[in-house]
Each structure stands twice: as C-alpha cells, then as structure tokens.
Amino acid sequence: EKASHEAVEYARQFDDPVIVLENLSYIRENLDYGAYMNR
C-alpha cells in the first residue's frame, strides 16, 4: 500500500503523466532461476 501510493505520487509531479506497467499475468510461470530464487 505504501509503495504503490509513493509510485502514484511520483507520477503526479509530471505534466500529463501516463503510467506504463509490464503485463505480468504469467510471471510465476516465467520465473526459473533455480529452487532457492524461485521460492
């Protein structure tokens, strides 16, 4: 909650902001860095 609030407040300081996010619908399936890092 706090981090998302700070991110939007950061965007509001610019003129006519458009926030761009990555499509992370399947991020869990894409991650494969070994058992420890995956966990």
PDB file of all heavy atoms in Angstrom:
ATOM      1  N   GLU A   1       0.821  -1.210   0.000  1.00  0.00           N
ATOM      2  CA  GLU A   1       0.000   0.000   0.000  1.00  0.00           C
ATOM      3  C   GLU A   1       0.858   1.264   0.000  1.00  0.00           C
ATOM      4  O   GLU A   1       0.596   2.211  -0.746  1.00  0.00           O
ATOM      5  CB  GLU A   1      -0.927  -0.008   1.221  1.00  0.00           C
ATOM      6  CG  GLU A   1      -2.018  -1.067   1.163  1.00  0.00           C
ATOM      7  CD  GLU A   1      -2.919  -0.883  -0.036  1.00  0.00           C
ATOM      8  OE1 GLU A   1      -3.393   0.253  -0.263  1.00  0.00           O
ATOM      9  OE2 GLU A   1      -3.135  -1.860  -0.771  1.00  0.00           O
ATOM     10  N   LYS A   2       1.876   1.299   0.827  1.00  0.00           N
ATOM     11  CA  LYS A   2       2.720   2.484   0.913  1.00  0.00           C
ATOM     12  C   LYS A   2       3.542   2.688  -0.360  1.00  0.00           C
ATOM     13  O   LYS A   2       3.687   3.809  -0.847  1.00  0.00           O
ATOM     14  CB  LYS A   2       3.637   2.384   2.128  1.00  0.00           C
ATOM     15  CG  LYS A   2       2.898   2.482   3.459  1.00  0.00           C
ATOM     16  CD  LYS A   2       3.842   2.342   4.641  1.00  0.00           C
ATOM     17  CE  LYS A   2       3.082   2.486   5.955  1.00  0.00           C
ATOM     18  NZ  LYS A   2       3.953   2.294   7.140  1.00  0.00           N
ATOM     19  N   ALA A   3       4.078   1.584  -0.910  1.00  0.00           N
ATOM     20  CA  ALA A   3       4.906   1.704  -2.106  1.00  0.00           C
ATOM     21  C   ALA A   3       4.071   2.127  -3.312  1.00  0.00           C
ATOM     22  O   ALA A   3       4.498   2.967  -4.113  1.00  0.00           O
ATOM     23  CB  ALA A   3       5.604   0.376  -2.396  1.00  0.00           C
ATOM     24  N   SER A   4       2.877   1.578  -3.458  1.00  0.00           N
ATOM     25  CA  SER A   4       2.019   1.950  -4.584  1.00  0.00           C
ATOM     26  C   SER A   4       1.573   3.408  -4.474  1.00  0.00           C
ATOM     27  O   SER A   4       1.480   4.117  -5.482  1.00  0.00           O
ATOM     28  CB  SER A   4       0.807   1.021  -4.667  1.00  0.00           C
ATOM     29  OG  SER A   4       0.063   1.023  -3.460  1.00  0.00           O
ATOM     30  N   HIS A   5       1.316   3.871  -3.245  1.00  0.00           N
ATOM     31  CA  HIS A   5       0.963   5.272  -3.041  1.00  0.00           C
ATOM     32  C   HIS A   5       2.122   6.181  -3.454  1.00  0.00           C
ATOM     33  O   HIS A   5       1.922   7.197  -4.140  1.00  0.00           O
ATOM     34  CB  HIS A   5       0.606   5.518  -1.578  1.00  0.00           C
ATOM     35  CG  HIS A   5       0.379   6.963  -1.239  1.00  0.00           C
ATOM     36  ND1 HIS A   5      -0.782   7.631  -1.570  1.00  0.00           N
ATOM     37  CD2 HIS A   5       1.177   7.885  -0.620  1.00  0.00           C
ATOM     38  CE1 HIS A   5      -0.704   8.889  -1.161  1.00  0.00           C
ATOM     39  NE2 HIS A   5       0.474   9.070  -0.587  1.00  0.00           N
ATOM     40  N   GLU A   6       3.333   5.820  -3.055  1.00  0.00           N
ATOM     41  CA  GLU A   6       4.500   6.635  -3.396  1.00  0.00           C
ATOM     42  C   GLU A   6       4.732   6.662  -4.898  1.00  0.00           C
ATOM     43  O   GLU A   6       5.108   7.697  -5.466  1.00  0.00           O
ATOM     44  CB  GLU A   6       5.737   6.093  -2.685  1.00  0.00           C
ATOM     45  CG  GLU A   6       6.976   6.953  -2.882  1.00  0.00           C
ATOM     46  CD  GLU A   6       8.158   6.496  -2.039  1.00  0.00           C
ATOM     47  OE1 GLU A   6       7.974   5.621  -1.169  1.00  0.00           O
ATOM     48  OE2 GLU A   6       9.259   7.036  -2.256  1.00  0.00           O
ATOM     49  N   ALA A   7       4.480   5.521  -5.570  1.00  0.00           N
ATOM     50  CA  ALA A   7       4.673   5.472  -7.017  1.00  0.00           C
ATOM     51  C   ALA A   7       3.719   6.418  -7.741  1.00  0.00           C
ATOM     52  O   ALA A   7       4.118   7.146  -8.661  1.00  0.00           O
ATOM     53  CB  ALA A   7       4.473   4.037  -7.511  1.00  0.00           C
ATOM     54  N   VAL A   8       2.447   6.426  -7.326  1.00  0.00           N
ATOM     55  CA  VAL A   8       1.470   7.302  -7.985  1.00  0.00           C
ATOM     56  C   VAL A   8       1.767   8.767  -7.675  1.00  0.00           C
ATOM     57  O   VAL A   8       1.648   9.637  -8.547  1.00  0.00           O
ATOM     58  CB  VAL A   8       0.042   6.917  -7.558  1.00  0.00           C
ATOM     59  CG1 VAL A   8      -0.975   7.917  -8.095  1.00  0.00           C
ATOM     60  CG2 VAL A   8      -0.289   5.516  -8.059  1.00  0.00           C
ATOM     61  N   GLU A   9       2.180   9.063  -6.441  1.00  0.00           N
ATOM     62  CA  GLU A   9       2.545  10.441  -6.110  1.00  0.00           C
ATOM     63  C   GLU A   9       3.743  10.902  -6.933  1.00  0.00           C
ATOM     64  O   GLU A   9       3.835  12.066  -7.331  1.00  0.00           O
ATOM     65  CB  GLU A   9       2.848  10.554  -4.609  1.00  0.00           C
ATOM     66  CG  GLU A   9       1.619  10.459  -3.727  1.00  0.00           C
ATOM     67  CD  GLU A   9       0.593  11.534  -4.056  1.00  0.00           C
ATOM     68  OE1 GLU A   9       0.959  12.732  -4.069  1.00  0.00           O
ATOM     69  OE2 GLU A   9      -0.573  11.170  -4.329  1.00  0.00           O
ATOM     70  N   TYR A  10       4.669   9.985  -7.185  1.00  0.00           N
ATOM     71  CA  TYR A  10       5.815  10.313  -8.042  1.00  0.00           C
ATOM     72  C   TYR A  10       5.340  10.685  -9.443  1.00  0.00           C
ATOM     73  O   TYR A  10       5.802  11.667 -10.037  1.00  0.00           O
ATOM     74  CB  TYR A  10       6.755   9.105  -8.103  1.00  0.00           C
ATOM     75  CG  TYR A  10       7.771   9.140  -9.213  1.00  0.00           C
ATOM     76  CD1 TYR A  10       8.891   9.955  -9.147  1.00  0.00           C
ATOM     77  CD2 TYR A  10       7.601   8.330 -10.348  1.00  0.00           C
ATOM     78  CE1 TYR A  10       9.822   9.971 -10.178  1.00  0.00           C
ATOM     79  CE2 TYR A  10       8.524   8.347 -11.377  1.00  0.00           C
ATOM     80  CZ  TYR A  10       9.638   9.163 -11.288  1.00  0.00           C
ATOM     81  OH  TYR A  10      10.559   9.194 -12.305  1.00  0.00           O
ATOM     82  N   ALA A  11       4.391   9.919  -9.974  1.00  0.00           N
ATOM     83  CA  ALA A  11       3.897  10.187 -11.324  1.00  0.00           C
ATOM     84  C   ALA A  11       3.162  11.521 -11.406  1.00  0.00           C
ATOM     85  O   ALA A  11       3.226  12.216 -12.427  1.00  0.00           O
ATOM     86  CB  ALA A  11       2.976   9.057 -11.778  1.00  0.00           C
ATOM     87  N   ARG A  12       2.487  11.894 -10.328  1.00  0.00           N
ATOM     88  CA  ARG A  12       1.664  13.108 -10.350  1.00  0.00           C
ATOM     89  C   ARG A  12       2.484  14.390 -10.468  1.00  0.00           C
ATOM     90  O   ARG A  12       1.948  15.439 -10.836  1.00  0.00           O
ATOM     91  CB  ARG A  12       0.806  13.170  -9.088  1.00  0.00           C
ATOM     92  CG  ARG A  12      -0.262  12.108  -9.049  1.00  0.00           C
ATOM     93  CD  ARG A  12      -1.066  12.144  -7.781  1.00  0.00           C
ATOM     94  NE  ARG A  12      -1.858  13.372  -7.666  1.00  0.00           N
ATOM     95  CZ  ARG A  12      -2.935  13.482  -6.921  1.00  0.00           C
ATOM     96  NH1 ARG A  12      -3.374  12.453  -6.223  1.00  0.00           N
ATOM     97  NH2 ARG A  12      -3.591  14.617  -6.860  1.00  0.00           N
ATOM     98  N   GLN A  13       3.775  14.324 -10.195  1.00  0.00           N
ATOM     99  CA  GLN A  13       4.585  15.542 -10.265  1.00  0.00           C
ATOM    100  C   GLN A  13       4.864  15.971 -11.706  1.00  0.00           C
ATOM    101  O   GLN A  13       5.282  17.101 -11.941  1.00  0.00           O
ATOM    102  CB  GLN A  13       5.908  15.338  -9.528  1.00  0.00           C
ATOM    103  CG  GLN A  13       6.866  14.375 -10.224  1.00  0.00           C
ATOM    104  CD  GLN A  13       8.172  14.204  -9.499  1.00  0.00           C
ATOM    105  OE1 GLN A  13       8.923  15.163  -9.363  1.00  0.00           O
ATOM    106  NE2 GLN A  13       8.425  13.005  -9.005  1.00  0.00           N
ATOM    107  N   PHE A  14       4.603  15.081 -12.671  1.00  0.00           N
ATOM    108  CA  PHE A  14       4.901  15.390 -14.064  1.00  0.00           C
ATOM    109  C   PHE A  14       3.634  15.873 -14.783  1.00  0.00           C
ATOM    110  O   PHE A  14       2.513  15.528 -14.405  1.00  0.00           O
ATOM    111  CB  PHE A  14       5.459  14.151 -14.778  1.00  0.00           C
ATOM    112  CG  PHE A  14       6.747  13.659 -14.186  1.00  0.00           C
ATOM    113  CD1 PHE A  14       6.757  12.585 -13.306  1.00  0.00           C
ATOM    114  CD2 PHE A  14       7.950  14.273 -14.486  1.00  0.00           C
ATOM    115  CE1 PHE A  14       7.931  12.129 -12.744  1.00  0.00           C
ATOM    116  CE2 PHE A  14       9.140  13.830 -13.935  1.00  0.00           C
ATOM    117  CZ  PHE A  14       9.129  12.757 -13.058  1.00  0.00           C
ATOM    118  N   ASP A  15       3.834  16.646 -15.834  1.00  0.00           N
ATOM    119  CA  ASP A  15       2.722  17.132 -16.638  1.00  0.00           C
ATOM    120  C   ASP A  15       2.142  15.989 -17.471  1.00  0.00           C
ATOM    121  O   ASP A  15       2.890  15.262 -18.140  1.00  0.00           O
ATOM    122  CB  ASP A  15       3.178  18.253 -17.568  1.00  0.00           C
ATOM    123  CG  ASP A  15       3.579  19.511 -16.805  1.00  0.00           C
ATOM    124  OD1 ASP A  15       3.082  19.693 -15.683  1.00  0.00           O
ATOM    125  OD2 ASP A  15       4.420  20.277 -17.333  1.00  0.00           O
ATOM    126  N   ASP A  16       0.823  15.842 -17.424  1.00  0.00           N
ATOM    127  CA  ASP A  16       0.104  14.851 -18.234  1.00  0.00           C
ATOM    128  C   ASP A  16       0.753  13.471 -18.165  1.00  0.00           C
ATOM    129  O   ASP A  16       1.165  12.895 -19.188  1.00  0.00           O
ATOM    130  CB  ASP A  16       0.043  15.321 -19.696  1.00  0.00           C
ATOM    131  CG  ASP A  16      -0.585  16.693 -19.814  1.00  0.00           C
ATOM    132  OD1 ASP A  16      -1.681  16.886 -19.255  1.00  0.00           O
ATOM    133  OD2 ASP A  16       0.031  17.574 -20.449  1.00  0.00           O
ATOM    134  N   PRO A  17       0.854  12.883 -16.965  1.00  0.00           N
ATOM    135  CA  PRO A  17       1.531  11.590 -16.825  1.00  0.00           C
ATOM    136  C   PRO A  17       0.702  10.434 -17.374  1.00  0.00           C
ATOM    137  O   PRO A  17      -0.534  10.439 -17.320  1.00  0.00           O
ATOM    138  CB  PRO A  17       1.700  11.466 -15.307  1.00  0.00           C
ATOM    139  CG  PRO A  17       0.538  12.229 -14.744  1.00  0.00           C
ATOM    140  CD  PRO A  17       0.330  13.382 -15.686  1.00  0.00           C
ATOM    141  N   VAL A  18       1.385   9.440 -17.920  1.00  0.00           N
ATOM    142  CA  VAL A  18       0.796   8.156 -18.307  1.00  0.00           C
ATOM    143  C   VAL A  18       1.684   7.078 -17.700  1.00  0.00           C
ATOM    144  O   VAL A  18       2.872   6.994 -18.025  1.00  0.00           O
ATOM    145  CB  VAL A  18       0.718   7.985 -19.832  1.00  0.00           C
ATOM    146  CG1 VAL A  18       0.204   6.580 -20.172  1.00  0.00           C
ATOM    147  CG2 VAL A  18      -0.187   9.034 -20.449  1.00  0.00           C
ATOM    148  N   ILE A  19       1.128   6.282 -16.804  1.00  0.00           N
ATOM    149  CA  ILE A  19       1.901   5.220 -16.154  1.00  0.00           C
ATOM    150  C   ILE A  19       1.966   4.002 -17.072  1.00  0.00           C
ATOM    151  O   ILE A  19       0.951   3.590 -17.644  1.00  0.00           O
ATOM    152  CB  ILE A  19       1.275   4.846 -14.795  1.00  0.00           C
ATOM    153  CG1 ILE A  19       1.510   5.986 -13.799  1.00  0.00           C
ATOM    154  CG2 ILE A  19       1.839   3.536 -14.264  1.00  0.00           C
ATOM    155  CD1 ILE A  19       0.869   5.753 -12.443  1.00  0.00           C
ATOM    156  N   VAL A  20       3.151   3.431 -17.197  1.00  0.00           N
ATOM    157  CA  VAL A  20       3.366   2.264 -18.054  1.00  0.00           C
ATOM    158  C   VAL A  20       3.819   1.096 -17.180  1.00  0.00           C
ATOM    159  O   VAL A  20       4.820   1.205 -16.464  1.00  0.00           O
ATOM    160  CB  VAL A  20       4.413   2.545 -19.151  1.00  0.00           C
ATOM    161  CG1 VAL A  20       4.462   1.375 -20.128  1.00  0.00           C
ATOM    162  CG2 VAL A  20       4.106   3.845 -19.875  1.00  0.00           C
ATOM    163  N   LEU A  21       3.071   0.004 -17.232  1.00  0.00           N
ATOM    164  CA  LEU A  21       3.367  -1.185 -16.441  1.00  0.00           C
ATOM    165  C   LEU A  21       3.571  -2.381 -17.367  1.00  0.00           C
ATOM    166  O   LEU A  21       3.036  -2.422 -18.473  1.00  0.00           O
ATOM    167  CB  LEU A  21       2.221  -1.498 -15.470  1.00  0.00           C
ATOM    168  CG  LEU A  21       1.855  -0.408 -14.468  1.00  0.00           C
ATOM    169  CD1 LEU A  21       0.584  -0.792 -13.714  1.00  0.00           C
ATOM    170  CD2 LEU A  21       3.002  -0.183 -13.481  1.00  0.00           C
ATOM    171  N   GLU A  22       4.327  -3.339 -16.880  1.00  0.00           N
ATOM    172  CA  GLU A  22       4.504  -4.575 -17.631  1.00  0.00           C
ATOM    173  C   GLU A  22       3.310  -5.501 -17.413  1.00  0.00           C
ATOM    174  O   GLU A  22       2.684  -5.498 -16.354  1.00  0.00           O
ATOM    175  CB  GLU A  22       5.781  -5.293 -17.187  1.00  0.00           C
ATOM    176  CG  GLU A  22       7.040  -4.561 -17.566  1.00  0.00           C
ATOM    177  CD  GLU A  22       8.278  -5.289 -17.087  1.00  0.00           C
ATOM    178  OE1 GLU A  22       8.322  -5.660 -15.901  1.00  0.00           O
ATOM    179  OE2 GLU A  22       9.183  -5.485 -17.885  1.00  0.00           O
ATOM    180  N   ASN A  23       3.006  -6.302 -18.421  1.00  0.00           N
ATOM    181  CA  ASN A  23       1.970  -7.316 -18.298  1.00  0.00           C
ATOM    182  C   ASN A  23       2.572  -8.523 -17.587  1.00  0.00           C
ATOM    183  O   ASN A  23       3.346  -9.275 -18.166  1.00  0.00           O
ATOM    184  CB  ASN A  23       1.458  -7.712 -19.683  1.00  0.00           C
ATOM    185  CG  ASN A  23       0.329  -8.723 -19.619  1.00  0.00           C
ATOM    186  OD1 ASN A  23       0.021  -9.247 -18.552  1.00  0.00           O
ATOM    187  ND2 ASN A  23      -0.267  -9.002 -20.753  1.00  0.00           N
ATOM    188  N   LEU A  24       2.201  -8.705 -16.327  1.00  0.00           N
ATOM    189  CA  LEU A  24       2.791  -9.771 -15.511  1.00  0.00           C
ATOM    190  C   LEU A  24       1.806 -10.916 -15.254  1.00  0.00           C
ATOM    191  O   LEU A  24       1.887 -11.599 -14.250  1.00  0.00           O
ATOM    192  CB  LEU A  24       3.261  -9.200 -14.171  1.00  0.00           C
ATOM    193  CG  LEU A  24       4.331  -8.117 -14.252  1.00  0.00           C
ATOM    194  CD1 LEU A  24       4.721  -7.654 -12.857  1.00  0.00           C
ATOM    195  CD2 LEU A  24       5.554  -8.618 -14.999  1.00  0.00           C
ATOM    196  N   SER A  25       0.878 -11.140 -16.183  1.00  0.00           N
ATOM    197  CA  SER A  25      -0.158 -12.147 -15.964  1.00  0.00           C
ATOM    198  C   SER A  25       0.414 -13.517 -15.652  1.00  0.00           C
ATOM    199  O   SER A  25      -0.150 -14.276 -14.873  1.00  0.00           O
ATOM    200  CB  SER A  25      -1.059 -12.246 -17.207  1.00  0.00           C
ATOM    201  OG  SER A  25      -1.680 -11.014 -17.467  1.00  0.00           O
ATOM    202  N   TYR A  26       1.550 -13.844 -16.268  1.00  0.00           N
ATOM    203  CA  TYR A  26       2.083 -15.195 -16.092  1.00  0.00           C
ATOM    204  C   TYR A  26       3.506 -15.165 -15.539  1.00  0.00           C
ATOM    205  O   TYR A  26       4.317 -16.013 -15.856  1.00  0.00           O
ATOM    206  CB  TYR A  26       2.060 -15.949 -17.424  1.00  0.00           C
ATOM    207  CG  TYR A  26       0.670 -16.229 -17.909  1.00  0.00           C
ATOM    208  CD1 TYR A  26      -0.005 -15.297 -18.673  1.00  0.00           C
ATOM    209  CD2 TYR A  26       0.020 -17.406 -17.565  1.00  0.00           C
ATOM    210  CE1 TYR A  26      -1.305 -15.539 -19.106  1.00  0.00           C
ATOM    211  CE2 TYR A  26      -1.265 -17.660 -17.994  1.00  0.00           C
ATOM    212  CZ  TYR A  26      -1.921 -16.732 -18.772  1.00  0.00           C
ATOM    213  OH  TYR A  26      -3.191 -16.979 -19.192  1.00  0.00           O
ATOM    214  N   ILE A  27       3.788 -14.190 -14.681  1.00  0.00           N
ATOM    215  CA  ILE A  27       5.154 -14.045 -14.191  1.00  0.00           C
ATOM    216  C   ILE A  27       5.608 -15.267 -13.409  1.00  0.00           C
ATOM    217  O   ILE A  27       6.754 -15.672 -13.455  1.00  0.00           O
ATOM    218  CB  ILE A  27       5.319 -12.770 -13.342  1.00  0.00           C
ATOM    219  CG1 ILE A  27       6.806 -12.543 -13.034  1.00  0.00           C
ATOM    220  CG2 ILE A  27       4.519 -12.831 -12.061  1.00  0.00           C
ATOM    221  CD1 ILE A  27       7.090 -11.187 -12.441  1.00  0.00           C
ATOM    222  N   ARG A  28       4.723 -15.927 -12.658  1.00  0.00           N
ATOM    223  CA  ARG A  28       5.128 -17.090 -11.869  1.00  0.00           C
ATOM    224  C   ARG A  28       5.626 -18.201 -12.774  1.00  0.00           C
ATOM    225  O   ARG A  28       6.590 -18.885 -12.476  1.00  0.00           O
ATOM    226  CB  ARG A  28       3.966 -17.579 -11.010  1.00  0.00           C
ATOM    227  CG  ARG A  28       3.632 -16.691  -9.850  1.00  0.00           C
ATOM    228  CD  ARG A  28       2.379 -17.178  -9.154  1.00  0.00           C
ATOM    229  NE  ARG A  28       2.556 -18.505  -8.602  1.00  0.00           N
ATOM    230  CZ  ARG A  28       3.091 -18.753  -7.408  1.00  0.00           C
ATOM    231  NH1 ARG A  28       3.511 -17.766  -6.663  1.00  0.00           N
ATOM    232  NH2 ARG A  28       3.209 -19.977  -6.965  1.00  0.00           N
ATOM    233  N   GLU A  29       4.943 -18.396 -13.924  1.00  0.00           N
ATOM    234  CA  GLU A  29       5.350 -19.450 -14.820  1.00  0.00           C
ATOM    235  C   GLU A  29       6.642 -19.110 -15.554  1.00  0.00           C
ATOM    236  O   GLU A  29       7.376 -19.979 -15.984  1.00  0.00           O
ATOM    237  CB  GLU A  29       4.234 -19.740 -15.835  1.00  0.00           C
ATOM    238  CG  GLU A  29       3.033 -20.454 -15.248  1.00  0.00           C
ATOM    239  CD  GLU A  29       2.121 -19.533 -14.462  1.00  0.00           C
ATOM    240  OE1 GLU A  29       2.335 -18.300 -14.496  1.00  0.00           O
ATOM    241  OE2 GLU A  29       1.200 -20.038 -13.805  1.00  0.00           O
ATOM    242  N   ASN A  30       6.922 -17.819 -15.727  1.00  0.00           N
ATOM    243  CA  ASN A  30       8.116 -17.408 -16.464  1.00  0.00           C
ATOM    244  C   ASN A  30       9.374 -17.445 -15.617  1.00  0.00           C
ATOM    245  O   ASN A  30      10.469 -17.488 -16.144  1.00  0.00           O
ATOM    246  CB  ASN A  30       7.932 -15.988 -17.005  1.00  0.00           C
ATOM    247  CG  ASN A  30       7.047 -15.977 -18.235  1.00  0.00           C
ATOM    248  OD1 ASN A  30       7.041 -16.923 -19.003  1.00  0.00           O
ATOM    249  ND2 ASN A  30       6.298 -14.914 -18.407  1.00  0.00           N
ATOM    250  N   LEU A  31       9.246 -17.376 -14.301  1.00  0.00           N
ATOM    251  CA  LEU A  31      10.415 -17.321 -13.438  1.00  0.00           C
ATOM    252  C   LEU A  31      11.046 -18.702 -13.315  1.00  0.00           C
ATOM    253  O   LEU A  31      10.387 -19.668 -12.957  1.00  0.00           O
ATOM    254  CB  LEU A  31      10.030 -16.817 -12.047  1.00  0.00           C
ATOM    255  CG  LEU A  31       9.590 -15.351 -11.976  1.00  0.00           C
ATOM    256  CD1 LEU A  31       9.065 -15.037 -10.592  1.00  0.00           C
ATOM    257  CD2 LEU A  31      10.736 -14.432 -12.328  1.00  0.00           C
ATOM    258  N   ASP A  32      12.326 -18.788 -13.605  1.00  0.00           N
ATOM    259  CA  ASP A  32      13.027 -20.054 -13.466  1.00  0.00           C
ATOM    260  C   ASP A  32      14.493 -19.764 -13.188  1.00  0.00           C
ATOM    261  O   ASP A  32      15.328 -19.793 -14.072  1.00  0.00           O
ATOM    262  CB  ASP A  32      12.886 -20.911 -14.725  1.00  0.00           C
ATOM    263  CG  ASP A  32      13.541 -22.272 -14.551  1.00  0.00           C
ATOM    264  OD1 ASP A  32      13.767 -22.674 -13.391  1.00  0.00           O
ATOM    265  OD2 ASP A  32      13.836 -22.924 -15.569  1.00  0.00           O
ATOM    266  N   TYR A  33      14.801 -19.450 -11.928  1.00  0.00           N
ATOM    267  CA  TYR A  33      16.158 -19.118 -11.530  1.00  0.00           C
ATOM    268  C   TYR A  33      16.713 -20.143 -10.538  1.00  0.00           C
ATOM    269  O   TYR A  33      17.625 -19.859  -9.792  1.00  0.00           O
ATOM    270  CB  TYR A  33      16.191 -17.726 -10.890  1.00  0.00           C
ATOM    271  CG  TYR A  33      15.648 -16.629 -11.768  1.00  0.00           C
ATOM    272  CD1 TYR A  33      14.723 -15.724 -11.275  1.00  0.00           C
ATOM    273  CD2 TYR A  33      16.070 -16.504 -13.082  1.00  0.00           C
ATOM    274  CE1 TYR A  33      14.232 -14.699 -12.084  1.00  0.00           C
ATOM    275  CE2 TYR A  33      15.583 -15.491 -13.899  1.00  0.00           C
ATOM    276  CZ  TYR A  33      14.674 -14.593 -13.395  1.00  0.00           C
ATOM    277  OH  TYR A  33      14.180 -13.593 -14.181  1.00  0.00           O
ATOM    278  N   GLY A  34      16.147 -21.328 -10.510  1.00  0.00           N
ATOM    279  CA  GLY A  34      16.562 -22.314  -9.531  1.00  0.00           C
ATOM    280  C   GLY A  34      15.629 -22.314  -8.335  1.00  0.00           C
ATOM    281  O   GLY A  34      14.900 -21.365  -8.078  1.00  0.00           O
ATOM    282  N   ALA A  35      15.652 -23.411  -7.566  1.00  0.00           N
ATOM    283  CA  ALA A  35      14.676 -23.613  -6.491  1.00  0.00           C
ATOM    284  C   ALA A  35      14.718 -22.496  -5.446  1.00  0.00           C
ATOM    285  O   ALA A  35      13.676 -21.995  -5.024  1.00  0.00           O
ATOM    286  CB  ALA A  35      14.919 -24.967  -5.829  1.00  0.00           C
ATOM    287  N   TYR A  36      15.919 -22.097  -5.010  1.00  0.00           N
ATOM    288  CA  TYR A  36      16.015 -21.099  -3.941  1.00  0.00           C
ATOM    289  C   TYR A  36      15.479 -19.750  -4.400  1.00  0.00           C
ATOM    290  O   TYR A  36      14.639 -19.135  -3.732  1.00  0.00           O
ATOM    291  CB  TYR A  36      17.466 -20.957  -3.487  1.00  0.00           C
ATOM    292  CG  TYR A  36      17.685 -19.820  -2.514  1.00  0.00           C
ATOM    293  CD1 TYR A  36      17.168 -19.892  -1.222  1.00  0.00           C
ATOM    294  CD2 TYR A  36      18.396 -18.686  -2.890  1.00  0.00           C
ATOM    295  CE1 TYR A  36      17.354 -18.845  -0.324  1.00  0.00           C
ATOM    296  CE2 TYR A  36      18.590 -17.638  -1.998  1.00  0.00           C
ATOM    297  CZ  TYR A  36      18.066 -17.731  -0.718  1.00  0.00           C
ATOM    298  OH  TYR A  36      18.249 -16.692   0.160  1.00  0.00           O
ATOM    299  N   MET A  37      15.942 -19.275  -5.573  1.00  0.00           N
ATOM    300  CA  MET A  37      15.488 -17.978  -6.051  1.00  0.00           C
ATOM    301  C   MET A  37      14.020 -18.009  -6.433  1.00  0.00           C
ATOM    302  O   MET A  37      13.278 -17.051  -6.187  1.00  0.00           O
ATOM    303  CB  MET A  37      16.336 -17.534  -7.250  1.00  0.00           C
ATOM    304  CG  MET A  37      16.038 -16.113  -7.716  1.00  0.00           C
ATOM    305  SD  MET A  37      16.294 -14.872  -6.429  1.00  0.00           S
ATOM    306  CE  MET A  37      18.076 -14.934  -6.255  1.00  0.00           C
ATOM    307  N   ASN A  38      13.556 -19.114  -7.021  1.00  0.00           N
ATOM    308  CA  ASN A  38      12.136 -19.220  -7.362  1.00  0.00           C
ATOM    309  C   ASN A  38      11.279 -19.090  -6.115  1.00  0.00           C
ATOM    310  O   ASN A  38      10.250 -18.416  -6.114  1.00  0.00           O
ATOM    311  CB  ASN A  38      11.847 -20.558  -8.031  1.00  0.00           C
ATOM    312  CG  ASN A  38      12.189 -20.539  -9.506  1.00  0.00           C
ATOM    313  OD1 ASN A  38      12.400 -19.483 -10.082  1.00  0.00           O
ATOM    314  ND2 ASN A  38      12.246 -21.704 -10.111  1.00  0.00           N
ATOM    315  N   ARG A  39      11.675 -19.751  -5.041  1.00  0.00           N
ATOM    316  CA  ARG A  39      10.879 -19.679  -3.811  1.00  0.00           C
ATOM    317  C   ARG A  39      10.792 -18.253  -3.298  1.00  0.00           C
ATOM    318  O   ARG A  39       9.742 -17.776  -2.864  1.00  0.00           O
ATOM    319  CB  ARG A  39      11.497 -20.590  -2.749  1.00  0.00           C
ATOM    320  CG  ARG A  39      10.667 -20.745  -1.483  1.00  0.00           C
ATOM    321  CD  ARG A  39      11.233 -19.936  -0.331  1.00  0.00           C
ATOM    322  NE  ARG A  39      12.548 -20.379   0.019  1.00  0.00           N
ATOM    323  CZ  ARG A  39      13.342 -19.698   0.848  1.00  0.00           C
ATOM    324  NH1 ARG A  39      12.955 -18.540   1.342  1.00  0.00           N
ATOM    325  NH2 ARG A  39      14.538 -20.139   1.134  1.00  0.00           N
TER     326      ARG A  39
END
